[in-house]
Protein backbone atom coordinates (compact mmCIF):
# COMPACT_ATOMS: atom_id res chain seq x y z
CA UNK A 1 -13.43 0.22 10.30
CA UNK A 2 -9.60 1.38 8.80
CA UNK A 3 -9.26 1.61 5.10
CA UNK A 4 -6.54 1.33 3.19
CA UNK A 5 -6.05 3.08 -0.44
CA UNK A 6 -3.39 1.74 -2.65
CA UNK A 7 -3.33 3.53 -6.20
CA UNK A 8 -0.90 2.64 -8.87
CA UNK A 9 0.85 5.61 -10.53
CA UNK A 10 2.81 5.69 -13.85
CA UNK A 11 4.09 8.79 -15.40
CA UNK A 12 1.44 11.32 -13.15
CA UNK A 13 -1.35 9.38 -14.02
CA UNK A 14 -3.54 6.90 -11.75
CA UNK A 15 -3.91 3.49 -13.72
CA UNK A 16 -5.75 1.40 -11.04
CA UNK A 17 -7.24 1.62 -7.48
CA UNK A 18 -8.68 -0.25 -4.68
CA UNK A 19 -10.06 0.20 -1.70
CA UNK A 20 -9.78 -2.75 1.10
CA UNK A 21 -11.40 -2.65 4.10
CA UNK A 22 -10.91 -4.39 7.12
CA UNK A 23 -12.96 -4.31 10.40
CA UNK A 24 -11.40 -7.38 12.75
CA UNK A 25 -9.96 -6.05 16.19
CA UNK A 26 -6.42 -6.36 15.63
CA UNK A 27 -3.64 -3.78 15.91
CA UNK A 28 -3.18 -1.48 13.11
CA UNK A 29 -0.31 -2.51 12.70
CA UNK A 30 -1.97 -5.93 11.52
CA UNK A 31 -4.79 -4.34 9.61
CA UNK A 32 -1.26 -2.31 7.52
CA UNK A 33 -0.45 -6.04 6.32
CA UNK A 34 -3.51 -7.68 5.82
CA UNK A 35 -4.88 -4.98 3.85
CA UNK A 36 -1.42 -4.19 1.57
CA UNK A 37 -1.38 -7.90 1.04
CA UNK A 38 -4.86 -7.76 -0.24
CA UNK A 39 -4.27 -4.63 -2.73
CA UNK A 40 -1.23 -6.17 -4.28
CA UNK A 41 -3.37 -9.33 -4.25
CA UNK A 42 -6.44 -7.55 -6.44
CA UNK A 43 -3.27 -5.61 -8.43
CA UNK A 44 -1.83 -8.67 -9.40
CA UNK A 45 1.42 -7.61 -8.08
CA UNK A 46 3.88 -9.23 -5.65
CA UNK A 47 4.13 -7.51 -1.71
CA UNK A 48 6.91 -5.15 -1.56
CA UNK A 49 9.35 -4.84 0.63
CA UNK A 50 9.24 -2.29 3.39
CA UNK A 51 12.59 -0.20 3.60
CA UNK A 52 13.89 2.01 6.49
CA UNK A 53 12.35 5.21 4.22
CA UNK A 54 8.74 3.44 3.27
CA UNK A 55 8.14 2.67 7.18
CA UNK A 56 9.44 6.24 7.97
CA UNK A 57 7.09 8.00 5.94
CA UNK A 58 4.04 5.75 6.75
CA UNK A 59 4.66 6.39 10.23
CA UNK A 60 4.94 10.29 9.61
CA UNK A 61 1.94 10.79 7.43
CA UNK A 62 0.11 7.15 6.99
CA UNK A 63 1.04 7.58 3.32
CA UNK A 64 4.03 5.66 1.61
CA UNK A 65 5.04 4.81 -2.16
CA UNK A 66 7.08 1.48 -2.89
CA UNK A 67 8.56 1.91 -5.66
CA UNK A 68 10.55 -0.18 -7.91
CA UNK A 69 13.82 -1.04 -4.94
CA UNK A 70 10.88 -2.41 -3.02
CA UNK A 71 9.75 -5.33 -5.54
CA UNK A 72 11.82 -8.21 -6.25
CA UNK A 73 10.14 -8.81 -9.34
CA UNK A 74 9.97 -6.21 -12.29
CA UNK A 75 7.16 -3.40 -12.49
CA UNK A 76 5.68 -1.62 -15.44
CA UNK A 77 4.33 1.55 -13.13
CA UNK A 78 6.39 3.77 -11.20
CA UNK A 79 5.22 3.17 -7.76
CA UNK A 80 2.26 1.94 -5.85
CA UNK A 81 0.79 4.15 -3.23
CA UNK A 82 -1.14 3.55 0.15
CA UNK A 83 -2.99 5.98 2.52
CA UNK A 84 -5.03 5.10 5.15
CA UNK A 85 -8.73 6.69 4.63
CA UNK A 86 -10.10 5.66 7.44
CA UNK A 87 -9.17 4.57 11.08
CA UNK A 88 -11.44 3.63 14.08
């Protein structure tokens, strides 16, 4: 089971969160992209763009933050944070 936790933060307060589970037989990268897409759908967000810094942070910590620079449309929160909470 692969689980990814998505949280929206504003002024150091968590506004919304959701956990997406994926038990398909896919690569870790495919699971991350799928879960992020589902998180954005549930939180009614556009899909963020992976910049070099977000990729580096995610590879190093299994956690990263998407700021305004990662989104095409304007966001009304500080950042979206995703974190892997379970991996098989």
